[in-house]
Structures are given as C-alpha cells and as structure tokens.
Amino acid sequence: MKMKSNFTKMLLGVLLTAVLCLWIGPSVAAGMEDKIVVVTSYPKDLTGPFKKAFEAKYPGTTVEVLQKKTSAAVKYIQETAQGNTSDLVWASAPDAFEVLKGDNLLKKYTPKAKGIPAEIGSYPINDPDGYYVGFAGSGYGIMWNKRYLKAKKIPVPKDWDDLKKPVYHDHVGMSAPSRSGTTHLTVETVLQGEGWDKGWATWKEIAGNLKMVTERSFGVPEGVNSGDFGVGIVIDFFGFSSKATGFPVDFVYPKVTTLVPANIAIVKNAPHPQAAATFIEYLLSMEGQELLLDPAIRRLPVNPATYAKAPKDFPNPFKDKSIGAAVKFDVGISKDRYNIVNSLFDVMITYRRKDIAAATRAIQKAEATLAGKSNAKAEALIKEARALLTAMPISESEAVDTKFPGVFTSDVYKKRKKAGVKVPPRQAEIEEKWDSFTKKNYATAKAKAEKALKMLK
C-alpha cells in the first residue's frame, strides 16, 4: 500500500510539473530568459506584429524594442559595448552589420531553421563568417501614386532614367542616405551598377527633379501615399505594404537594382542569449516567415516555401531571377566609402537641392526649345551645362575613408540634419571645397543653359 501511495504521489508530482510548464509557457519551461532587448531601425508596423506574436508564443518573455535609425543603432551598440544591455540588432543594411562585425561587437550564431537557401538573388542570405543572419530580402526601386500621375498626366516610371525626364520635375521625393540606411543602399547600388561617374550623374539628374529630400525614409512613402508628390524612391516593402493596405500606389524594380538580405544578429555579451537565439529561430520559422506577408509588413521571405501563401502579384525572387540580377552588391566597397558617399550626397544634393533644381530646369527648357532645330552653338552650350551639372569633385579612387583617415567618422557628422551644423575643422575644410565646386558648377550650368535658350528664341 505504501509503495502504491508513493507511486501515486510521484505521478501527481510529474503531472503537476507538466501542467505548470504549460501554464507558465514554453519560454520559462525551456529555461529561456524573461526579456529580449532589440535595437532596430524598423518601424512599429514591422516590429509590432513580431513582438506580439513572439510574446504570445513565449508568454514568459517580453520583447523590448529600441527604435533607432541605422547609423544611430550602430553608434548605440558601439557606445554601450562595455556595459552592453542589448541582445539583438535588427536592420536592413548589411554594411551596418559589417561595421559591427569589424568592431568585434557581434556574436557568431548558426541558425537551425531548415529550407532556407544559401542566396537570395546573387547575394548570400547569411554572413559567410556567421555573425549575422538574413531573415527577409530587400530590393530598391520606385513607387508612385496612380491617382496623382493620372491627374497630372504623368507617365508611369519604369526605370531610373525615366526620373531624369522633364515631365517628373518637382514630382519626386527621396530621403538622404546619411539619414537612412536603406536609401544609402539604393544610392550605392546605382553607383556600383552604373559606375562612379555615370551613377552619380544619374542621381544628380534625378535630384534636379526632386520636390523634397525627406528627413527619414518613412517620409517618402508617406509623401506618395498622401499625394504630396507623385513618385518616391524607396525600399520595396514601403511600396508593397502601402499598396496592400489600400493606398492607390504601385512599385517597380528598375533594371539596375540589387537584392540583399535584411538581417539580425546577436550582440556580443548579450544578457539574454537564449531568448535572442529563440527570436532569430522564430523569424526563420514558417510562422515567422509567413508573418512577413502581413499587409502592413510585406517583406520578401527567405524561405521559398512561404511564397505559396503570398498574394498572386507578390514578387518571388526565387522564381523571378531578374530581380536584382543586374548588380552583385559588394558590401566591402560600400563599407569603405559609406560616409564619403553620404557626405557627397548631402553637399551636392540635400543642401543644394534648389540650386540643382534651378540648373536642371534651365537645361530642360533649353533642350526642349532646341528640339527640331539646328543650332550648333546652342547645342554646345547645353552639352557643357549638363557636363557641369553632373561633374564630380572627387574620383572613385579618392572616395574611400583611407584617403581621409578619421575625417568622416565624427558623431556630429552622423547626427547633423542641416548644412549649418558645425563639424570638425578638417571635415569642414574638405566639404567646403566640394561645396564651392558644386555651387560654381550649378550656377555656370544654369547660365549656359539660359544663354542657349536666348539664342534659340
């Protein structure tokens, strides 16, 4: 009787333990920590659904989200490294992860999820050295407001060259690469795909048609959705999610674009390593991958099986090999000239938008008046004006940080939002030379175009 009583007690104990494990949730039952701190550049529209779903699946663990733009997220991880309180860094730009990896601030992690191929487009999904993991694909292109274009009788753009045309003048918006990691990738993709001089010529000719340069990348889809401007240069999911949530918009990948993974990594000395690893595995699980198809998110999953549940018009890079095929993005090149490219864009475009717009408009008017006429002198002046507009103050070989050691790495540089913000003397000296070159060229280009126009009337 005593043995039977002991067996009954033992059985009851086992059953009680099992019930408690179920009641308190799988995270605690598995010994997982009760919190994860995620530093991310993603908006709440993306982080919110994942936070909610993860906490529902693992009710003993809370996801704490620290939202920062990409450059600020990198800086935060660097500055807090000695007393790190972050577990994960979650962002789109692979070059940002390369910076953190180079600083020895990430922990190696090999995902256990199955069914994920080695590449998306022509780019490795995971860091070959094992420090960061791809969970979604990202492409870069053009979105537009269908009602806006129809009302103003503007054609639908299909490629970057379309946005250079006079019909788009004052109808285009984009953010600055210094304020957006995804915009930096877009700018760098064209520079790598077309070459340094031709790529910058493309951006400057597009810039001549810009209505505004927004402070954050989110401002571009918001501007297109609201009709503040008709066309926006964006990462693909901004276009897809806006369309899926009912805005009268659409999106296209230009030929010269790339497809790279959006990434997540465990921070070195993470205080909650098991919870961090579990979050990564959740992102890569079928449940997590399918969540990317949510209308408010609309990112490209890295598991090809997920596309069986995608909308009919949703792009599938594992079937459509043309997406991102034109550019094999080199993250090393991007990393080496990251701040130089951002600074050049600000000096030549962000802070000189009105000047480049005025010069561009003068050239466009002169070219339109020349059409169908024969005037060699006017034609030569217009050609000179366009050459001045697209000229660069430095060559590609000069555009690496090793040519300017320590100059473009100050915290002031990364935080500034206006041309007048003071930067270190050496940086100010270099940027002043670039600005003088640019300002003079735009003014001379405008004058030559206006002279040509007078000759044609």
Protein backbone atom coordinates (compact mmCIF):
# COMPACT_ATOMS: atom_id res chain seq x y z
CA MET A 1 0.00 0.00 0.00
CA LYS A 2 2.87 2.33 0.89
CA MET A 3 4.59 1.70 -2.49
CA LYS A 4 1.33 2.40 -4.29
CA SER A 5 0.91 5.62 -2.30
CA ASN A 6 4.45 6.77 -3.15
CA PHE A 7 3.91 5.96 -6.84
CA THR A 8 0.65 7.94 -6.81
CA LYS A 9 2.42 10.93 -5.23
CA MET A 10 5.25 10.74 -7.77
CA LEU A 11 2.76 10.55 -10.67
CA LEU A 12 0.84 13.51 -9.30
CA GLY A 13 4.11 15.45 -9.00
CA VAL A 14 5.04 14.75 -12.61
CA LEU A 15 1.57 15.75 -13.81
CA LEU A 16 1.65 18.94 -11.72
CA THR A 17 5.04 19.86 -13.13
CA ALA A 18 3.79 19.32 -16.68
CA VAL A 19 0.72 21.45 -16.03
CA LEU A 20 2.84 24.22 -14.53
CA CYS A 21 5.16 24.15 -17.52
CA LEU A 22 2.21 24.53 -19.87
CA TRP A 23 0.69 27.25 -17.73
CA ILE A 24 3.81 29.41 -17.45
CA GLY A 25 4.64 28.97 -21.15
CA PRO A 26 7.31 27.31 -23.25
CA SER A 27 9.93 30.01 -22.72
CA VAL A 28 10.22 29.53 -18.97
CA ALA A 29 9.82 25.78 -19.30
CA ALA A 30 12.82 25.72 -21.62
CA GLY A 31 14.87 27.87 -19.26
CA MET A 32 14.69 30.91 -21.55
CA GLU A 33 15.25 34.36 -20.10
CA ASP A 34 12.29 36.64 -19.38
CA LYS A 35 13.33 39.51 -21.68
CA ILE A 36 14.96 40.38 -25.01
CA VAL A 37 16.24 43.86 -25.86
CA VAL A 38 16.13 44.51 -29.62
CA VAL A 39 17.82 47.54 -31.20
CA THR A 40 16.23 48.12 -34.59
CA SER A 41 15.79 50.62 -37.41
CA TYR A 42 12.42 49.09 -38.35
CA PRO A 43 9.15 50.96 -37.79
CA LYS A 44 6.47 49.77 -35.38
CA ASP A 45 4.42 48.46 -38.33
CA LEU A 46 7.02 45.70 -38.64
CA THR A 47 8.26 45.23 -35.09
CA GLY A 48 4.78 45.37 -33.53
CA PRO A 49 3.35 42.21 -35.15
CA PHE A 50 6.53 40.23 -34.43
CA LYS A 51 6.64 41.39 -30.82
CA LYS A 52 3.00 40.45 -30.31
CA ALA A 53 3.33 37.04 -32.00
CA PHE A 54 6.55 36.12 -30.19
CA GLU A 55 5.23 37.11 -26.77
CA ALA A 56 2.08 35.08 -27.43
CA LYS A 57 4.16 32.04 -28.35
CA TYR A 58 6.55 32.52 -25.42
CA PRO A 59 4.44 34.24 -22.75
CA GLY A 60 7.25 34.27 -20.20
CA THR A 61 9.46 36.51 -22.34
CA THR A 62 8.97 40.21 -23.10
CA VAL A 63 10.38 41.84 -26.25
CA GLU A 64 11.73 45.33 -25.53
CA VAL A 65 12.21 47.35 -28.74
CA LEU A 66 14.62 50.30 -29.01
CA GLN A 67 13.85 52.04 -32.32
CA LYS A 68 16.80 53.94 -33.84
CA LYS A 69 17.80 54.79 -37.39
CA THR A 70 20.55 52.53 -38.74
CA SER A 71 23.55 54.80 -38.12
CA ALA A 72 22.28 55.63 -34.61
CA ALA A 73 21.76 51.93 -33.87
CA VAL A 74 25.35 51.16 -34.85
CA LYS A 75 26.61 54.05 -32.73
CA TYR A 76 24.50 52.90 -29.76
CA ILE A 77 25.92 49.36 -29.88
CA GLN A 78 29.45 50.80 -30.13
CA GLU A 79 28.99 53.24 -27.24
CA THR A 80 27.36 50.73 -24.87
CA ALA A 81 29.72 47.83 -25.61
CA GLN A 82 31.48 47.99 -22.23
CA GLY A 83 28.24 47.55 -20.30
CA ASN A 84 26.10 46.03 -23.02
CA THR A 85 22.37 45.67 -22.29
CA SER A 86 21.26 44.84 -25.86
CA ASP A 87 20.60 41.35 -27.18
CA LEU A 88 19.83 41.80 -30.87
CA VAL A 89 20.43 44.32 -33.62
CA TRP A 90 17.82 44.14 -36.39
CA ALA A 91 18.09 46.20 -39.61
CA SER A 92 18.20 46.13 -43.41
CA ALA A 93 21.66 47.44 -44.28
CA PRO A 94 24.31 44.67 -44.47
CA ASP A 95 27.13 47.23 -44.40
CA ALA A 96 25.97 48.32 -40.92
CA PHE A 97 26.43 44.75 -39.72
CA GLU A 98 29.85 44.66 -41.36
CA VAL A 99 30.84 47.69 -39.29
CA LEU A 100 29.72 45.99 -36.05
CA LYS A 101 31.40 42.74 -37.07
CA GLY A 102 34.62 44.62 -37.81
CA ASP A 103 34.44 46.17 -34.33
CA ASN A 104 34.06 42.67 -32.79
CA LEU A 105 30.65 43.59 -31.37
CA LEU A 106 28.62 40.64 -32.71
CA LYS A 107 28.39 37.03 -31.57
CA LYS A 108 28.56 34.15 -34.03
CA TYR A 109 25.33 32.25 -34.46
CA THR A 110 24.36 29.39 -36.79
CA PRO A 111 20.59 29.18 -37.36
CA LYS A 112 18.88 25.81 -37.04
CA ALA A 113 15.96 26.57 -39.40
CA LYS A 114 15.67 24.33 -42.46
CA GLY A 115 14.61 25.04 -46.05
CA ILE A 116 16.46 28.35 -46.48
CA PRO A 117 18.82 28.52 -49.49
CA ALA A 118 22.31 29.96 -49.50
CA GLU A 119 21.47 33.03 -51.61
CA ILE A 120 18.69 35.44 -52.46
CA GLY A 121 19.27 36.94 -55.90
CA SER A 122 23.05 36.79 -56.18
CA TYR A 123 23.73 37.66 -52.54
CA PRO A 124 24.45 35.30 -49.59
CA ILE A 125 21.49 35.20 -47.19
CA ASN A 126 23.72 34.75 -44.13
CA ASP A 127 27.08 36.31 -43.34
CA PRO A 128 29.70 33.80 -44.59
CA ASP A 129 31.60 34.34 -41.32
CA GLY A 130 28.49 33.56 -39.26
CA TYR A 131 27.98 36.87 -37.44
CA TYR A 132 24.60 37.92 -38.85
CA VAL A 133 21.59 36.18 -40.34
CA GLY A 134 19.24 37.14 -43.19
CA PHE A 135 15.52 36.84 -42.44
CA ALA A 136 14.00 38.70 -45.43
CA GLY A 137 15.00 40.06 -48.82
CA SER A 138 15.16 43.74 -49.71
CA GLY A 139 15.11 45.37 -53.13
CA TYR A 140 15.13 49.03 -54.09
CA GLY A 141 13.08 50.93 -56.60
CA ILE A 142 10.29 53.36 -57.47
CA MET A 143 6.77 53.74 -56.08
CA TRP A 144 4.12 56.07 -57.41
CA ASN A 145 0.64 57.36 -56.67
CA LYS A 146 -1.63 56.26 -59.53
CA ARG A 147 -4.23 58.99 -58.97
CA TYR A 148 -1.58 61.71 -58.81
CA LEU A 149 0.07 60.64 -62.07
CA LYS A 150 -3.28 60.31 -63.84
CA ALA A 151 -4.47 63.73 -62.67
CA LYS A 152 -1.26 65.43 -63.81
CA LYS A 153 -0.93 63.30 -66.97
CA ILE A 154 2.49 61.97 -65.96
CA PRO A 155 3.59 58.58 -67.35
CA VAL A 156 4.30 55.64 -65.03
CA PRO A 157 8.07 55.39 -64.40
CA LYS A 158 9.76 52.04 -65.01
CA ASP A 159 13.45 52.80 -64.64
CA TRP A 160 15.90 55.27 -63.08
CA ASP A 161 16.38 57.04 -66.43
CA ASP A 162 12.67 57.85 -66.54
CA LEU A 163 13.03 60.00 -63.43
CA LYS A 164 15.53 62.23 -65.25
CA LYS A 165 12.87 63.37 -67.74
CA PRO A 166 11.42 66.91 -67.56
CA VAL A 167 7.88 65.56 -67.04
CA TYR A 168 8.89 64.47 -63.50
CA HIS A 169 10.29 67.86 -62.48
CA ASP A 170 9.10 68.76 -58.95
CA HIS A 171 7.17 65.47 -58.62
CA VAL A 172 9.77 63.16 -56.99
CA GLY A 173 10.73 62.59 -53.36
CA MET A 174 13.54 60.64 -51.67
CA SER A 175 15.39 60.65 -48.37
CA ALA A 176 19.08 61.34 -47.83
CA PRO A 177 21.44 58.36 -47.49
CA SER A 178 23.03 59.98 -44.43
CA ARG A 179 19.65 59.68 -42.65
CA SER A 180 18.52 56.31 -43.97
CA GLY A 181 20.43 53.03 -44.27
CA THR A 182 18.05 51.77 -46.96
CA THR A 183 18.46 54.95 -49.02
CA HIS A 184 22.22 54.59 -48.73
CA LEU A 185 21.90 51.08 -50.18
CA THR A 186 19.78 52.45 -53.04
CA VAL A 187 22.32 55.16 -53.86
CA GLU A 188 25.27 52.78 -53.55
CA THR A 189 23.53 50.16 -55.72
CA VAL A 190 23.30 52.60 -58.65
CA LEU A 191 26.92 53.69 -58.13
CA GLN A 192 28.04 50.06 -58.26
CA GLY A 193 25.69 49.13 -61.09
CA GLU A 194 26.48 52.06 -63.40
CA GLY A 195 29.94 53.04 -62.22
CA TRP A 196 31.05 56.02 -60.14
CA ASP A 197 30.73 58.89 -62.66
CA LYS A 198 27.69 57.60 -64.55
CA GLY A 199 25.97 56.57 -61.30
CA TRP A 200 26.43 60.00 -59.74
CA ALA A 201 25.26 61.60 -62.99
CA THR A 202 22.07 59.54 -62.67
CA TRP A 203 21.49 60.66 -59.10
CA LYS A 204 22.20 64.32 -59.88
CA GLU A 205 19.88 64.35 -62.90
CA ILE A 206 17.15 62.72 -60.80
CA ALA A 207 17.92 65.19 -57.99
CA GLY A 208 17.19 68.05 -60.38
CA ASN A 209 13.57 66.82 -60.42
CA LEU A 210 13.20 66.34 -56.65
CA LYS A 211 10.42 68.17 -54.86
CA MET A 212 11.97 67.34 -51.49
CA VAL A 213 14.58 65.32 -49.60
CA THR A 214 12.81 63.90 -46.54
CA GLU A 215 14.46 63.62 -43.12
CA ARG A 216 13.58 59.92 -42.75
CA SER A 217 12.99 57.13 -45.23
CA PHE A 218 9.41 56.77 -43.87
CA GLY A 219 8.67 60.25 -45.17
CA VAL A 220 8.92 59.12 -48.79
CA PRO A 221 6.07 56.55 -48.83
CA GLU A 222 4.03 58.88 -46.64
CA GLY A 223 4.51 61.66 -49.23
CA VAL A 224 3.49 59.38 -52.11
CA ASN A 225 0.52 57.94 -50.19
CA SER A 226 -0.79 61.40 -49.34
CA GLY A 227 -0.11 62.87 -52.77
CA ASP A 228 2.42 65.45 -51.57
CA PHE A 229 4.47 64.23 -54.53
CA GLY A 230 3.73 61.60 -57.15
CA VAL A 231 6.85 59.42 -57.19
CA GLY A 232 9.15 58.14 -54.45
CA ILE A 233 12.47 56.29 -54.35
CA VAL A 234 12.02 53.58 -51.72
CA ILE A 235 12.88 50.13 -50.42
CA ASP A 236 10.40 47.64 -51.87
CA PHE A 237 8.35 46.87 -48.76
CA PHE A 238 7.28 50.52 -48.45
CA GLY A 239 5.59 50.20 -51.83
CA PHE A 240 4.17 46.72 -51.22
CA SER A 241 2.76 47.50 -47.77
CA SER A 242 1.20 50.80 -48.90
CA LYS A 243 -0.48 49.03 -51.80
CA ALA A 244 -1.66 46.14 -49.60
CA THR A 245 -3.22 48.50 -47.06
CA GLY A 246 -5.34 50.27 -49.67
CA PHE A 247 -3.36 53.26 -50.94
CA PRO A 248 -3.62 53.88 -54.73
CA VAL A 249 0.06 53.17 -55.29
CA ASP A 250 2.32 50.74 -57.10
CA PHE A 251 6.02 49.79 -57.16
CA VAL A 252 8.60 48.66 -59.71
CA TYR A 253 12.16 47.32 -59.56
CA PRO A 254 14.38 49.20 -62.05
CA LYS A 255 16.87 47.12 -64.04
CA VAL A 256 19.79 48.49 -62.06
CA THR A 257 18.87 47.35 -58.59
CA THR A 258 20.05 44.73 -56.16
CA LEU A 259 18.50 42.22 -53.80
CA VAL A 260 20.16 41.90 -50.41
CA PRO A 261 19.04 40.31 -47.15
CA ALA A 262 17.62 42.25 -44.24
CA ASN A 263 19.49 41.00 -41.20
CA ILE A 264 19.52 40.25 -37.50
CA ALA A 265 22.45 39.50 -35.20
CA ILE A 266 23.15 38.68 -31.57
CA VAL A 267 25.18 41.38 -29.85
CA LYS A 268 28.40 40.27 -28.18
CA ASN A 269 27.90 39.63 -24.44
CA ALA A 270 24.12 39.71 -24.85
CA PRO A 271 22.46 39.48 -21.41
CA HIS A 272 19.70 37.18 -22.72
CA PRO A 273 21.44 34.93 -25.28
CA GLN A 274 18.94 32.05 -25.27
CA ALA A 275 15.96 34.35 -25.76
CA ALA A 276 17.88 36.15 -28.54
CA ALA A 277 18.58 32.87 -30.34
CA THR A 278 14.94 31.83 -29.96
CA PHE A 279 13.80 35.12 -31.50
CA ILE A 280 16.04 34.53 -34.54
CA GLU A 281 14.69 30.99 -34.94
CA TYR A 282 11.16 32.39 -34.73
CA LEU A 283 11.90 34.86 -37.55
CA LEU A 284 13.16 31.97 -39.70
CA SER A 285 10.34 29.55 -38.83
CA MET A 286 7.41 29.12 -41.21
CA GLU A 287 5.24 31.02 -38.73
CA GLY A 288 7.68 33.94 -38.68
CA GLN A 289 8.25 33.89 -42.44
CA GLU A 290 4.52 33.93 -43.13
CA LEU A 291 4.15 36.93 -40.85
CA LEU A 292 6.32 38.85 -43.36
CA LEU A 293 3.37 38.61 -45.76
CA ASP A 294 1.17 40.66 -43.41
CA PRO A 295 -0.23 43.62 -45.43
CA ALA A 296 1.43 46.10 -43.07
CA ILE A 297 4.86 44.41 -43.49
CA ARG A 298 5.09 42.85 -46.99
CA ARG A 299 8.75 41.79 -46.95
CA LEU A 300 10.28 39.10 -49.17
CA PRO A 301 10.68 35.87 -47.12
CA VAL A 302 13.96 33.95 -47.37
CA ASN A 303 12.19 30.59 -47.20
CA PRO A 304 10.92 29.82 -50.75
CA ALA A 305 8.08 27.64 -49.39
CA THR A 306 6.47 30.75 -47.87
CA TYR A 307 5.56 32.16 -51.29
CA ALA A 308 2.83 29.51 -51.67
CA LYS A 309 0.79 31.69 -49.29
CA ALA A 310 1.74 35.03 -50.88
CA PRO A 311 -0.70 37.17 -52.92
CA LYS A 312 -0.75 36.41 -56.67
CA ASP A 313 1.03 39.64 -57.66
CA PHE A 314 3.69 39.36 -54.94
CA PRO A 315 7.25 39.09 -56.36
CA ASN A 316 9.11 35.81 -55.81
CA PRO A 317 12.89 36.28 -56.22
CA PHE A 318 13.42 32.51 -56.12
CA LYS A 319 11.36 32.17 -59.33
CA ASP A 320 11.91 35.55 -60.99
CA LYS A 321 15.69 35.62 -61.30
CA SER A 322 15.63 39.04 -62.98
CA ILE A 323 15.06 40.84 -59.65
CA GLY A 324 18.40 42.24 -58.55
CA ALA A 325 20.33 40.30 -61.21
CA ALA A 326 21.99 43.39 -62.73
CA VAL A 327 24.03 44.31 -59.64
CA LYS A 328 26.05 41.97 -57.45
CA PHE A 329 26.27 44.25 -54.45
CA ASP A 330 29.76 44.48 -52.90
CA VAL A 331 29.32 45.20 -49.20
CA GLY A 332 33.08 45.80 -48.80
CA ILE A 333 33.09 48.66 -51.31
CA SER A 334 30.01 50.14 -49.65
CA LYS A 335 31.58 49.93 -46.20
CA ASP A 336 34.87 51.56 -47.29
CA ARG A 337 33.18 54.65 -48.71
CA TYR A 338 29.98 54.71 -46.64
CA ASN A 339 30.42 58.13 -45.00
CA ILE A 340 32.04 59.66 -48.09
CA VAL A 341 29.03 58.78 -50.26
CA ASN A 342 26.65 60.15 -47.63
CA SER A 343 28.60 63.38 -47.31
CA LEU A 344 28.86 63.87 -51.08
CA PHE A 345 25.12 63.37 -51.47
CA ASP A 346 24.37 65.93 -48.76
CA VAL A 347 26.81 68.51 -50.13
CA MET A 348 25.78 68.11 -53.78
CA ILE A 349 22.06 67.34 -53.42
CA THR A 350 20.48 67.61 -49.95
CA TYR A 351 21.85 71.08 -49.18
CA ARG A 352 21.92 72.25 -52.81
CA ARG A 353 18.53 70.92 -53.91
CA LYS A 354 17.20 74.32 -55.01
CA ASP A 355 20.39 75.12 -56.92
CA ILE A 356 20.46 71.80 -58.77
CA ALA A 357 16.72 72.07 -59.48
CA ALA A 358 17.16 75.55 -60.98
CA ALA A 359 20.09 74.46 -63.16
CA THR A 360 18.23 71.32 -64.25
CA ARG A 361 15.10 73.27 -65.15
CA ALA A 362 17.11 75.72 -67.25
CA ILE A 363 18.78 72.84 -69.12
CA GLN A 364 15.42 71.11 -69.67
CA LYS A 365 13.86 74.28 -71.13
CA ALA A 366 16.83 74.83 -73.43
CA GLU A 367 16.77 71.21 -74.62
CA ALA A 368 13.02 71.40 -75.28
CA THR A 369 13.44 74.58 -77.33
CA LEU A 370 16.37 73.07 -79.28
CA ALA A 371 14.33 70.03 -80.31
CA GLY A 372 13.75 70.07 -84.07
CA LYS A 373 16.14 72.99 -84.61
CA SER A 374 19.72 73.20 -85.80
CA ASN A 375 21.96 75.49 -83.76
CA ALA A 376 25.47 74.19 -83.10
CA LYS A 377 26.43 76.94 -80.62
CA ALA A 378 23.30 76.48 -78.51
CA GLU A 379 23.71 72.70 -78.64
CA ALA A 380 27.32 73.00 -77.44
CA LEU A 381 26.29 75.29 -74.56
CA ILE A 382 23.60 72.84 -73.41
CA LYS A 383 26.08 69.96 -73.57
CA GLU A 384 28.56 71.96 -71.47
CA ALA A 385 25.81 72.81 -68.97
CA ARG A 386 24.86 69.17 -68.47
CA ALA A 387 28.52 68.18 -68.07
CA LEU A 388 28.94 70.81 -65.36
CA LEU A 389 25.76 69.64 -63.61
CA THR A 390 26.97 66.03 -63.38
CA ALA A 391 30.69 66.66 -62.70
CA MET A 392 32.17 65.18 -59.51
CA PRO A 393 34.58 66.91 -57.09
CA ILE A 394 36.47 63.64 -56.40
CA SER A 395 37.16 60.44 -58.30
CA GLU A 396 36.13 56.93 -57.31
CA SER A 397 39.69 56.08 -56.21
CA GLU A 398 39.63 59.05 -53.83
CA ALA A 399 36.24 58.11 -52.36
CA VAL A 400 37.41 55.80 -49.59
CA ASP A 401 37.91 56.55 -45.92
CA THR A 402 41.61 55.60 -46.14
CA LYS A 403 42.11 58.76 -48.21
CA PHE A 404 40.52 60.80 -45.40
CA PRO A 405 41.56 58.93 -42.22
CA GLY A 406 39.25 59.76 -39.32
CA VAL A 407 37.71 62.76 -41.11
CA PHE A 408 34.18 61.44 -41.74
CA THR A 409 33.64 59.45 -38.54
CA SER A 410 32.64 62.14 -36.03
CA ASP A 411 29.44 61.84 -34.04
CA VAL A 412 28.47 65.35 -35.14
CA TYR A 413 28.60 64.26 -38.77
CA LYS A 414 26.26 61.36 -38.15
CA LYS A 415 23.71 63.45 -36.26
CA ARG A 416 23.60 66.61 -38.34
CA LYS A 417 20.45 67.43 -40.27
CA LYS A 418 21.33 70.84 -41.67
CA ALA A 419 24.23 72.22 -43.67
CA GLY A 420 24.98 74.81 -40.97
CA VAL A 421 25.73 72.32 -38.19
CA LYS A 422 29.38 72.60 -37.15
CA VAL A 423 31.62 69.65 -37.95
CA PRO A 424 35.32 69.05 -37.16
CA PRO A 425 37.68 71.51 -38.94
CA ARG A 426 39.26 69.00 -41.34
CA GLN A 427 35.88 67.71 -42.48
CA ALA A 428 34.53 71.23 -42.84
CA GLU A 429 37.56 72.13 -44.99
CA ILE A 430 37.02 69.18 -47.36
CA GLU A 431 33.28 69.71 -47.61
CA GLU A 432 33.77 73.42 -48.27
CA LYS A 433 35.93 72.55 -51.30
CA TRP A 434 33.27 70.14 -52.56
CA ASP A 435 30.53 72.72 -51.99
CA SER A 436 32.43 75.51 -53.76
CA PHE A 437 33.00 73.21 -56.73
CA THR A 438 29.34 72.19 -56.78
CA LYS A 439 27.86 75.66 -56.28
CA LYS A 440 30.01 77.17 -59.04
CA ASN A 441 29.18 74.34 -61.46
CA TYR A 442 25.43 74.58 -60.89
CA ALA A 443 25.46 78.36 -61.33
CA THR A 444 27.58 78.16 -64.50
CA ALA A 445 25.42 75.34 -65.88
CA LYS A 446 22.30 77.42 -65.34
CA ALA A 447 23.87 80.46 -67.00
CA LYS A 448 24.99 78.46 -70.05
CA ALA A 449 21.55 76.87 -70.45
CA GLU A 450 19.85 80.25 -70.19
CA LYS A 451 22.26 81.70 -72.77
CA ALA A 452 21.46 78.81 -75.12
CA LEU A 453 17.76 79.40 -74.61
CA LYS A 454 18.08 83.07 -75.60
CA MET A 455 19.96 82.08 -78.74
CA LEU A 456 17.11 79.75 -79.71
CA LYS A 457 14.29 82.25 -79.33
